[in-house]
Amino acid sequence: MSLNYLRPPIIAAICLLLIYNSHAYQAPKHQATGGFTQPEPIDFNDHEGWTQIFDGKTLHNWDGSPEVWHVEDGSLVAQSSPEHPSGTTNIMWRGSQPSNFELKLEMKLEGAGANGGIQYRSLNVPPPAGQTVKYPKWNMKGYQADFDYANVYTGQLYEQGTRRGIVAWRGQMVQTDQGKKPRLLGTLGTSDELKSYIKVGDWNQYQVIADGNTLIHIVNGHVMAVLVDTDPTFSQSKGLIGFEIEGGGVVKISHRNIWLKTLPQ
């Protein structure tokens, strides 16, 4: 498979992440090997070059149903219950429609049926004909970094609202081409191995990198899924960022420390 579709920095990043995940390798700080030095670990709390897109106090630039979404203790929160079910609905950031970017935040799910995710490069579209949606105004279609309480799907790349569905399962690096089935390029570890890094009912650090046709999902410092989407029928070069809530029973999903960094076009 030709890697001409990937930018050189992304190739290097993926290679490093594959090595770290496959071997759980931790190099001593500043260790030199043959005149080379190891890269510094990323500090999730270093925000130089990043823009905070949720102020922790208001829903400024955020668009979702006020019956579902609110600010609570510095977090962007959605809740659902049998008495007041949310169904599947989203809140969208209206600040821009970024193309190449990094997005990082912390997420927490509460409730055994809780399911959510990060929509990105997505569209705000009407629900499909014949589909009943409680809040159709906030329906979305596009890439999703999945997140569920049971961690069956957390980390995978799901495409909301299209026939592709799950494109890259947790632990997979996948490429798509027009008119062909998705192809597995390599593995990042087993689904169960990667699942062990996800915290149930607690805060998780989630990072999404979208650069050209390359999409990367990282949870708590571990690469969960990579997609090289070169299928022009489905691939999206820019779009909305949003968060989803769905699931039965008493459900709560919280998001905080939401930061965005624009990458070169």
Protein backbone atom coordinates (compact mmCIF):
# COMPACT_ATOMS: atom_id res chain seq x y z
CA MET A 1 0.00 0.00 0.00
CA SER A 2 1.37 3.40 -0.97
CA LEU A 3 1.65 5.93 1.87
CA ASN A 4 1.53 8.92 -0.47
CA TYR A 5 -1.81 9.88 1.00
CA LEU A 6 -0.28 10.48 4.45
CA ARG A 7 1.74 13.56 5.32
CA PRO A 8 5.28 12.75 6.53
CA PRO A 9 4.65 14.05 10.09
CA ILE A 10 1.58 11.85 10.37
CA ILE A 11 3.53 8.81 9.13
CA ALA A 12 6.15 9.42 11.81
CA ALA A 13 3.52 9.93 14.49
CA ILE A 14 1.68 6.73 13.60
CA CYS A 15 4.89 4.71 13.54
CA LEU A 16 5.88 5.97 17.00
CA LEU A 17 2.42 5.31 18.39
CA LEU A 18 2.38 1.79 16.95
CA ILE A 19 5.75 1.07 18.55
CA TYR A 20 4.68 2.42 21.94
CA ASN A 21 1.39 0.49 21.94
CA SER A 22 2.87 -2.77 20.67
CA HIS A 23 5.74 -2.97 23.12
CA ALA A 24 4.58 -0.78 26.01
CA TYR A 25 8.00 0.83 25.72
CA GLN A 26 8.96 3.60 28.13
CA ALA A 27 12.30 5.19 27.32
CA PRO A 28 14.25 6.92 30.07
CA LYS A 29 13.95 10.68 29.81
CA HIS A 30 16.56 12.31 27.57
CA GLN A 31 18.20 8.94 26.85
CA ALA A 32 20.37 9.12 23.74
CA THR A 33 20.82 6.11 21.46
CA GLY A 34 23.32 6.31 18.64
CA GLY A 35 23.24 10.10 18.76
CA PHE A 36 19.42 10.27 18.71
CA THR A 37 17.11 11.27 21.54
CA GLN A 38 13.67 10.01 22.44
CA PRO A 39 10.67 12.34 21.95
CA GLU A 40 9.29 14.04 25.02
CA PRO A 41 5.98 12.62 26.29
CA ILE A 42 2.98 14.82 25.54
CA ASP A 43 1.65 16.77 28.52
CA PHE A 44 -2.14 16.68 28.24
CA ASN A 45 -2.31 19.83 30.38
CA ASP A 46 0.04 21.85 28.17
CA HIS A 47 -2.25 24.19 26.22
CA GLU A 48 0.30 26.31 24.36
CA GLY A 49 -1.01 26.78 20.82
CA TRP A 50 -4.48 25.50 21.79
CA THR A 51 -7.81 27.36 22.03
CA GLN A 52 -10.29 26.55 24.77
CA ILE A 53 -13.71 26.11 23.14
CA PHE A 54 -15.75 25.56 26.32
CA ASP A 55 -15.32 28.10 29.11
CA GLY A 56 -16.71 25.86 31.86
CA LYS A 57 -19.35 28.43 32.76
CA THR A 58 -21.65 29.01 29.79
CA LEU A 59 -22.83 27.35 26.59
CA HIS A 60 -21.41 30.17 24.46
CA ASN A 61 -21.04 28.89 20.85
CA TRP A 62 -22.64 25.56 21.80
CA ASP A 63 -25.97 24.57 20.27
CA GLY A 64 -28.07 21.75 21.74
CA SER A 65 -31.41 21.14 23.40
CA PRO A 66 -31.61 22.96 26.76
CA GLU A 67 -33.78 20.08 27.94
CA VAL A 68 -30.74 17.80 27.70
CA TRP A 69 -27.55 19.89 27.89
CA HIS A 70 -26.34 22.19 30.67
CA VAL A 71 -23.23 23.34 32.53
CA GLU A 72 -22.51 21.68 35.85
CA ASP A 73 -19.40 22.09 38.01
CA GLY A 74 -17.30 23.29 35.08
CA SER A 75 -18.44 20.50 32.77
CA LEU A 76 -20.65 20.29 29.70
CA VAL A 77 -23.24 17.74 30.80
CA ALA A 78 -26.13 15.82 29.24
CA GLN A 79 -28.60 13.65 31.12
CA SER A 80 -31.35 11.20 30.26
CA SER A 81 -33.77 9.13 32.31
CA PRO A 82 -36.86 6.96 31.80
CA GLU A 83 -38.96 9.95 32.88
CA HIS A 84 -37.16 12.37 30.55
CA PRO A 85 -35.44 10.35 27.82
CA SER A 86 -33.09 12.23 25.53
CA GLY A 87 -33.02 9.67 22.76
CA THR A 88 -30.02 10.10 20.49
CA THR A 89 -29.14 13.78 20.31
CA ASN A 90 -26.13 16.07 20.03
CA ILE A 91 -24.73 19.42 21.02
CA MET A 92 -22.67 21.23 18.37
CA TRP A 93 -19.89 23.76 18.63
CA ARG A 94 -20.73 26.62 16.27
CA GLY A 95 -17.39 28.44 16.58
CA SER A 96 -16.09 27.09 13.27
CA GLN A 97 -15.96 24.01 11.05
CA PRO A 98 -12.31 22.96 11.37
CA SER A 99 -10.53 20.91 8.73
CA ASN A 100 -7.13 19.79 10.03
CA PHE A 101 -6.97 19.89 13.81
CA GLU A 102 -6.29 18.24 17.13
CA LEU A 103 -9.07 18.10 19.73
CA LYS A 104 -8.54 17.05 23.33
CA LEU A 105 -10.88 16.84 26.30
CA GLU A 106 -11.86 14.78 29.30
CA MET A 107 -15.02 12.65 29.24
CA LYS A 108 -16.94 10.66 31.83
CA LEU A 109 -19.96 8.38 31.47
CA GLU A 110 -22.31 7.39 34.28
CA GLY A 111 -25.05 4.78 33.99
CA ALA A 112 -24.71 1.25 32.63
CA GLY A 113 -26.58 2.14 29.43
CA ALA A 114 -24.65 5.34 28.75
CA ASN A 115 -23.33 5.86 25.24
CA GLY A 116 -21.86 8.94 23.64
CA GLY A 117 -19.06 10.11 21.43
CA ILE A 118 -17.28 12.98 19.73
CA GLN A 119 -18.63 14.02 16.34
CA TYR A 120 -16.12 15.75 14.08
CA ARG A 121 -15.96 16.86 10.45
CA SER A 122 -19.70 16.30 10.74
CA LEU A 123 -22.85 17.80 9.24
CA ASN A 124 -26.03 19.04 10.88
CA VAL A 125 -28.66 17.26 8.77
CA PRO A 126 -32.32 16.21 9.10
CA PRO A 127 -32.89 12.64 10.31
CA PRO A 128 -33.39 10.01 7.59
CA ALA A 129 -36.92 9.75 6.23
CA GLY A 130 -39.12 7.61 8.43
CA GLN A 131 -36.81 7.82 11.46
CA THR A 132 -38.35 9.31 14.59
CA VAL A 133 -35.95 11.54 16.54
CA LYS A 134 -36.99 13.48 19.62
CA TYR A 135 -34.74 16.44 18.86
CA PRO A 136 -34.34 16.47 15.04
CA LYS A 137 -32.89 20.00 15.03
CA TRP A 138 -29.62 18.64 16.42
CA ASN A 139 -29.20 15.53 14.29
CA MET A 140 -25.66 14.95 13.00
CA LYS A 141 -23.94 12.88 10.35
CA GLY A 142 -20.23 12.12 10.10
CA TYR A 143 -17.16 10.77 11.88
CA GLN A 144 -17.54 9.80 15.54
CA ALA A 145 -14.96 8.88 18.14
CA ASP A 146 -17.08 6.41 20.08
CA PHE A 147 -17.43 6.21 23.87
CA ASP A 148 -19.68 3.82 25.80
CA TYR A 149 -19.94 2.88 29.46
CA ALA A 150 -19.41 -0.85 28.84
CA ASN A 151 -16.36 -0.03 26.69
CA VAL A 152 -17.45 -2.35 23.93
CA TYR A 153 -16.97 0.43 21.38
CA THR A 154 -14.89 3.11 23.12
CA GLY A 155 -12.10 4.38 20.89
CA GLN A 156 -13.39 3.02 17.59
CA LEU A 157 -14.20 5.17 14.57
CA TYR A 158 -17.90 5.03 13.81
CA GLU A 159 -19.61 6.96 11.04
CA GLN A 160 -22.94 8.30 12.21
CA GLY A 161 -25.76 8.46 9.69
CA THR A 162 -24.13 6.56 6.79
CA ARG A 163 -24.17 2.94 5.69
CA ARG A 164 -20.50 2.49 6.59
CA GLY A 165 -21.18 2.30 10.33
CA ILE A 166 -18.09 1.09 12.21
CA VAL A 167 -15.14 1.76 9.91
CA ALA A 168 -12.14 1.18 12.22
CA TRP A 169 -12.73 -1.01 15.25
CA ARG A 170 -10.70 -0.53 18.41
CA GLY A 171 -7.18 -1.79 17.81
CA GLN A 172 -7.25 -1.34 14.04
CA MET A 173 -5.53 0.84 11.46
CA VAL A 174 -7.78 0.84 8.38
CA GLN A 175 -7.73 2.32 4.88
CA THR A 176 -10.74 2.94 2.66
CA ASP A 177 -10.89 3.33 -1.12
CA GLN A 178 -13.85 4.05 -3.37
CA GLY A 179 -15.80 0.97 -4.35
CA LYS A 180 -13.84 -1.36 -2.08
CA LYS A 181 -14.35 -2.80 1.40
CA PRO A 182 -12.23 -1.22 4.15
CA ARG A 183 -8.78 -2.83 4.41
CA LEU A 184 -6.88 -3.61 7.59
CA LEU A 185 -3.39 -2.08 7.35
CA GLY A 186 -2.20 -3.13 10.79
CA THR A 187 -3.12 -3.57 14.43
CA LEU A 188 -2.51 -1.40 17.48
CA GLY A 189 -3.11 -4.15 20.02
CA THR A 190 -6.08 -6.35 20.83
CA SER A 191 -9.41 -4.78 21.70
CA ASP A 192 -9.23 -6.20 25.23
CA GLU A 193 -5.68 -4.92 25.79
CA LEU A 194 -6.70 -1.41 24.80
CA LYS A 195 -9.91 -1.66 26.82
CA SER A 196 -7.82 -2.10 29.97
CA TYR A 197 -6.60 1.51 29.65
CA ILE A 198 -10.14 2.96 29.75
CA LYS A 199 -11.54 4.07 33.11
CA VAL A 200 -15.13 3.02 33.80
CA GLY A 201 -17.30 5.69 35.43
CA ASP A 202 -14.34 8.07 35.71
CA TRP A 203 -12.66 10.81 33.69
CA ASN A 204 -10.82 9.75 30.54
CA GLN A 205 -8.52 11.85 28.38
CA TYR A 206 -9.71 11.67 24.77
CA GLN A 207 -7.79 13.09 21.83
CA VAL A 208 -8.76 13.20 18.15
CA ILE A 209 -6.29 14.10 15.39
CA ALA A 210 -7.67 14.85 11.91
CA ASP A 211 -5.00 15.72 9.33
CA GLY A 212 -5.80 15.30 5.67
CA ASN A 213 -7.24 11.82 5.16
CA THR A 214 -5.71 10.49 8.38
CA LEU A 215 -7.87 10.26 11.52
CA ILE A 216 -6.49 9.09 14.88
CA HIS A 217 -8.29 8.36 18.17
CA ILE A 218 -6.28 8.33 21.42
CA VAL A 219 -7.64 7.53 24.91
CA ASN A 220 -5.50 8.03 28.01
CA GLY A 221 -2.36 8.16 25.88
CA HIS A 222 -3.07 4.95 23.93
CA VAL A 223 -3.93 4.87 20.23
CA MET A 224 -7.31 3.17 19.84
CA ALA A 225 -8.02 3.45 16.11
CA VAL A 226 -6.57 4.96 12.93
CA LEU A 227 -8.39 5.51 9.64
CA VAL A 228 -6.85 6.60 6.34
CA ASP A 229 -10.06 7.61 4.57
CA THR A 230 -9.35 7.91 0.85
CA ASP A 231 -12.90 7.09 -0.25
CA PRO A 232 -14.23 10.34 -1.80
CA THR A 233 -17.82 9.09 -1.55
CA PHE A 234 -17.75 9.32 2.24
CA SER A 235 -14.65 11.21 3.40
CA GLN A 236 -15.15 14.70 4.82
CA SER A 237 -12.44 17.36 4.81
CA LYS A 238 -14.08 19.66 7.37
CA GLY A 239 -17.21 20.04 9.45
CA LEU A 240 -18.77 20.51 12.86
CA ILE A 241 -17.55 19.26 16.22
CA GLY A 242 -20.20 17.90 18.55
CA PHE A 243 -20.97 15.54 21.41
CA GLU A 244 -23.61 12.82 21.50
CA ILE A 245 -25.76 11.27 24.21
CA GLU A 246 -27.87 8.14 23.92
CA GLY A 247 -28.69 5.03 25.90
CA GLY A 248 -31.44 3.70 28.12
CA GLY A 249 -32.01 4.07 31.85
CA VAL A 250 -30.48 6.82 33.97
CA VAL A 251 -27.59 8.22 31.95
CA LYS A 252 -25.18 11.11 32.41
CA ILE A 253 -22.27 12.15 30.20
CA SER A 254 -19.83 14.91 31.11
CA HIS A 255 -17.15 16.78 29.14
CA ARG A 256 -14.56 19.23 30.44
CA ASN A 257 -11.23 20.86 29.53
CA ILE A 258 -12.13 21.02 25.83
CA TRP A 259 -9.28 22.36 23.69
CA LEU A 260 -8.76 22.72 19.94
CA LYS A 261 -5.55 23.22 17.96
CA THR A 262 -5.66 24.10 14.25
CA LEU A 263 -3.17 22.23 12.05
CA PRO A 264 -1.75 23.45 8.70
CA GLN A 265 -3.96 22.89 5.67
